[in-house]
């Protein structure tokens, strides 16, 4: 199954990696790894995670306060947001 990122989701991901890397060397890598594992869980079990709205689901990232918001199509996962869980919750809705 293929994975595609909304451009703003990709930017969020990169910014978060840079932020964590600035706090402690290697922490950005750890964050990226945990995000990829959360995406992989969504790929393996696309309907296992709770629906937030419409067809958007959220897979939580371990160790970090982030969720991967995605929609599952027949042959792909579309990542709508790499969302900091402390951020305003509905900011991603215009991306659908």
C-alpha atoms as a PDB file:
ATOM      1  CA  UNK A   1       0.000   0.000   0.000  1.00  0.00           C
ATOM      2  CA  UNK A   2       1.334   3.441  -0.932  1.00  0.00           C
ATOM      3  CA  UNK A   3       1.516   6.383   1.461  1.00  0.00           C
ATOM      4  CA  UNK A   4       1.036   9.984   0.306  1.00  0.00           C
ATOM      5  CA  UNK A   5       1.383  13.136   2.411  1.00  0.00           C
ATOM      6  CA  UNK A   6      -0.600  16.322   2.032  1.00  0.00           C
ATOM      7  CA  UNK A   7       2.080  19.013   1.439  1.00  0.00           C
ATOM      8  CA  UNK A   8       1.218  20.737   4.721  1.00  0.00           C
ATOM      9  CA  UNK A   9       1.414  17.423   6.591  1.00  0.00           C
ATOM     10  CA  UNK A  10       4.862  16.832   5.133  1.00  0.00           C
ATOM     11  CA  UNK A  11       5.913  20.330   6.253  1.00  0.00           C
ATOM     12  CA  UNK A  12       4.573  19.660   9.772  1.00  0.00           C
ATOM     13  CA  UNK A  13       6.553  16.449   9.901  1.00  0.00           C
ATOM     14  CA  UNK A  14       9.794  18.130   8.817  1.00  0.00           C
ATOM     15  CA  UNK A  15       9.309  21.051  11.221  1.00  0.00           C
ATOM     16  CA  UNK A  16       8.693  18.683  14.133  1.00  0.00           C
ATOM     17  CA  UNK A  17      11.822  16.669  13.283  1.00  0.00           C
ATOM     18  CA  UNK A  18      13.866  19.885  13.246  1.00  0.00           C
ATOM     19  CA  UNK A  19      12.308  21.024  16.535  1.00  0.00           C
ATOM     20  CA  UNK A  20      13.088  17.779  18.357  1.00  0.00           C
ATOM     21  CA  UNK A  21      16.574  17.643  16.871  1.00  0.00           C
ATOM     22  CA  UNK A  22      17.227  21.169  18.206  1.00  0.00           C
ATOM     23  CA  UNK A  23      16.282  20.017  21.704  1.00  0.00           C
ATOM     24  CA  UNK A  24      18.612  17.033  21.704  1.00  0.00           C
ATOM     25  CA  UNK A  25      20.709  15.479  18.935  1.00  0.00           C
ATOM     26  CA  UNK A  26      19.094  12.232  17.826  1.00  0.00           C
ATOM     27  CA  UNK A  27      15.672  13.084  19.205  1.00  0.00           C
ATOM     28  CA  UNK A  28      14.497  14.230  15.764  1.00  0.00           C
ATOM     29  CA  UNK A  29      15.496  10.846  14.384  1.00  0.00           C
ATOM     30  CA  UNK A  30      13.592   9.107  17.192  1.00  0.00           C
ATOM     31  CA  UNK A  31      10.516  11.206  16.409  1.00  0.00           C
ATOM     32  CA  UNK A  32      10.731  10.403  12.684  1.00  0.00           C
ATOM     33  CA  UNK A  33      11.039   6.699  13.464  1.00  0.00           C
ATOM     34  CA  UNK A  34       7.966   6.748  15.735  1.00  0.00           C
ATOM     35  CA  UNK A  35       5.951   8.622  13.087  1.00  0.00           C
ATOM     36  CA  UNK A  36       6.928   6.057  10.454  1.00  0.00           C
ATOM     37  CA  UNK A  37       5.920   3.242  12.812  1.00  0.00           C
ATOM     38  CA  UNK A  38       2.520   4.886  13.403  1.00  0.00           C
ATOM     39  CA  UNK A  39       2.043   5.181   9.642  1.00  0.00           C
ATOM     40  CA  UNK A  40       3.071   1.563   9.203  1.00  0.00           C
ATOM     41  CA  UNK A  41       0.428   0.516  11.748  1.00  0.00           C
ATOM     42  CA  UNK A  42      -2.141   2.466   9.715  1.00  0.00           C
ATOM     43  CA  UNK A  43      -0.989   0.718   6.537  1.00  0.00           C
ATOM     44  CA  UNK A  44      -1.217  -2.725   8.135  1.00  0.00           C
ATOM     45  CA  UNK A  45      -4.544  -2.116   9.905  1.00  0.00           C
ATOM     46  CA  UNK A  46      -6.164   0.885   8.170  1.00  0.00           C
ATOM     47  CA  UNK A  47      -9.539   0.542   9.872  1.00  0.00           C
ATOM     48  CA  UNK A  48      -8.226  -0.190  13.381  1.00  0.00           C
ATOM     49  CA  UNK A  49      -7.890   3.432  14.473  1.00  0.00           C
ATOM     50  CA  UNK A  50     -10.738   5.676  15.581  1.00  0.00           C
ATOM     51  CA  UNK A  51     -12.574   7.906  13.121  1.00  0.00           C
ATOM     52  CA  UNK A  52     -12.281  11.609  13.916  1.00  0.00           C
ATOM     53  CA  UNK A  53     -14.552  12.946  11.203  1.00  0.00           C
ATOM     54  CA  UNK A  54     -15.865  11.567   7.919  1.00  0.00           C
ATOM     55  CA  UNK A  55     -13.203   9.139   6.697  1.00  0.00           C
ATOM     56  CA  UNK A  56     -10.311  10.651   8.672  1.00  0.00           C
ATOM     57  CA  UNK A  57      -8.737   8.382  11.283  1.00  0.00           C
ATOM     58  CA  UNK A  58      -5.981   8.984  13.836  1.00  0.00           C
ATOM     59  CA  UNK A  59      -3.061   6.704  14.658  1.00  0.00           C
ATOM     60  CA  UNK A  60      -1.184   7.872  17.754  1.00  0.00           C
ATOM     61  CA  UNK A  61       2.586   8.271  17.787  1.00  0.00           C
ATOM     62  CA  UNK A  62       4.333   6.577  20.705  1.00  0.00           C
ATOM     63  CA  UNK A  63       6.634   8.647  22.991  1.00  0.00           C
ATOM     64  CA  UNK A  64       5.549  11.960  21.425  1.00  0.00           C
ATOM     65  CA  UNK A  65       2.307  13.979  21.674  1.00  0.00           C
ATOM     66  CA  UNK A  66       1.416  13.528  17.999  1.00  0.00           C
ATOM     67  CA  UNK A  67      -1.216  11.788  15.952  1.00  0.00           C
ATOM     68  CA  UNK A  68      -1.165  10.810  12.291  1.00  0.00           C
ATOM     69  CA  UNK A  69      -4.441  11.846  10.669  1.00  0.00           C
ATOM     70  CA  UNK A  70      -5.125   9.872   7.526  1.00  0.00           C
ATOM     71  CA  UNK A  71      -7.733   8.562   5.166  1.00  0.00           C
ATOM     72  CA  UNK A  72      -7.516   4.997   3.919  1.00  0.00           C
ATOM     73  CA  UNK A  73      -8.310   4.315   0.306  1.00  0.00           C
ATOM     74  CA  UNK A  74      -8.375   0.902  -1.325  1.00  0.00           C
ATOM     75  CA  UNK A  75      -4.690   0.956  -2.228  1.00  0.00           C
ATOM     76  CA  UNK A  76      -3.235   3.963  -0.379  1.00  0.00           C
ATOM     77  CA  UNK A  77      -3.012   5.901   2.864  1.00  0.00           C
ATOM     78  CA  UNK A  78      -3.296   9.683   2.542  1.00  0.00           C
ATOM     79  CA  UNK A  79      -1.720  11.505   5.503  1.00  0.00           C
ATOM     80  CA  UNK A  80      -3.698  14.684   6.093  1.00  0.00           C
ATOM     81  CA  UNK A  81      -1.777  15.904   9.149  1.00  0.00           C
ATOM     82  CA  UNK A  82       1.099  15.098  11.464  1.00  0.00           C
ATOM     83  CA  UNK A  83      -0.735  16.764  14.316  1.00  0.00           C
ATOM     84  CA  UNK A  84       0.649  17.941  17.622  1.00  0.00           C
ATOM     85  CA  UNK A  85      -2.082  16.849  20.041  1.00  0.00           C
ATOM     86  CA  UNK A  86      -1.747  20.115  21.990  1.00  0.00           C
ATOM     87  CA  UNK A  87      -2.528  22.194  18.897  1.00  0.00           C
ATOM     88  CA  UNK A  88      -5.996  23.493  18.059  1.00  0.00           C
ATOM     89  CA  UNK A  89      -7.811  20.333  17.064  1.00  0.00           C
ATOM     90  CA  UNK A  90      -9.649  21.276  13.868  1.00  0.00           C
ATOM     91  CA  UNK A  91      -6.952  23.179  11.986  1.00  0.00           C
ATOM     92  CA  UNK A  92      -6.483  20.364   9.437  1.00  0.00           C
ATOM     93  CA  UNK A  93     -10.106  20.185   8.240  1.00  0.00           C
ATOM     94  CA  UNK A  94      -9.601  22.393   5.158  1.00  0.00           C
ATOM     95  CA  UNK A  95      -7.046  19.865   3.841  1.00  0.00           C
ATOM     96  CA  UNK A  96      -9.552  17.108   3.064  1.00  0.00           C
END
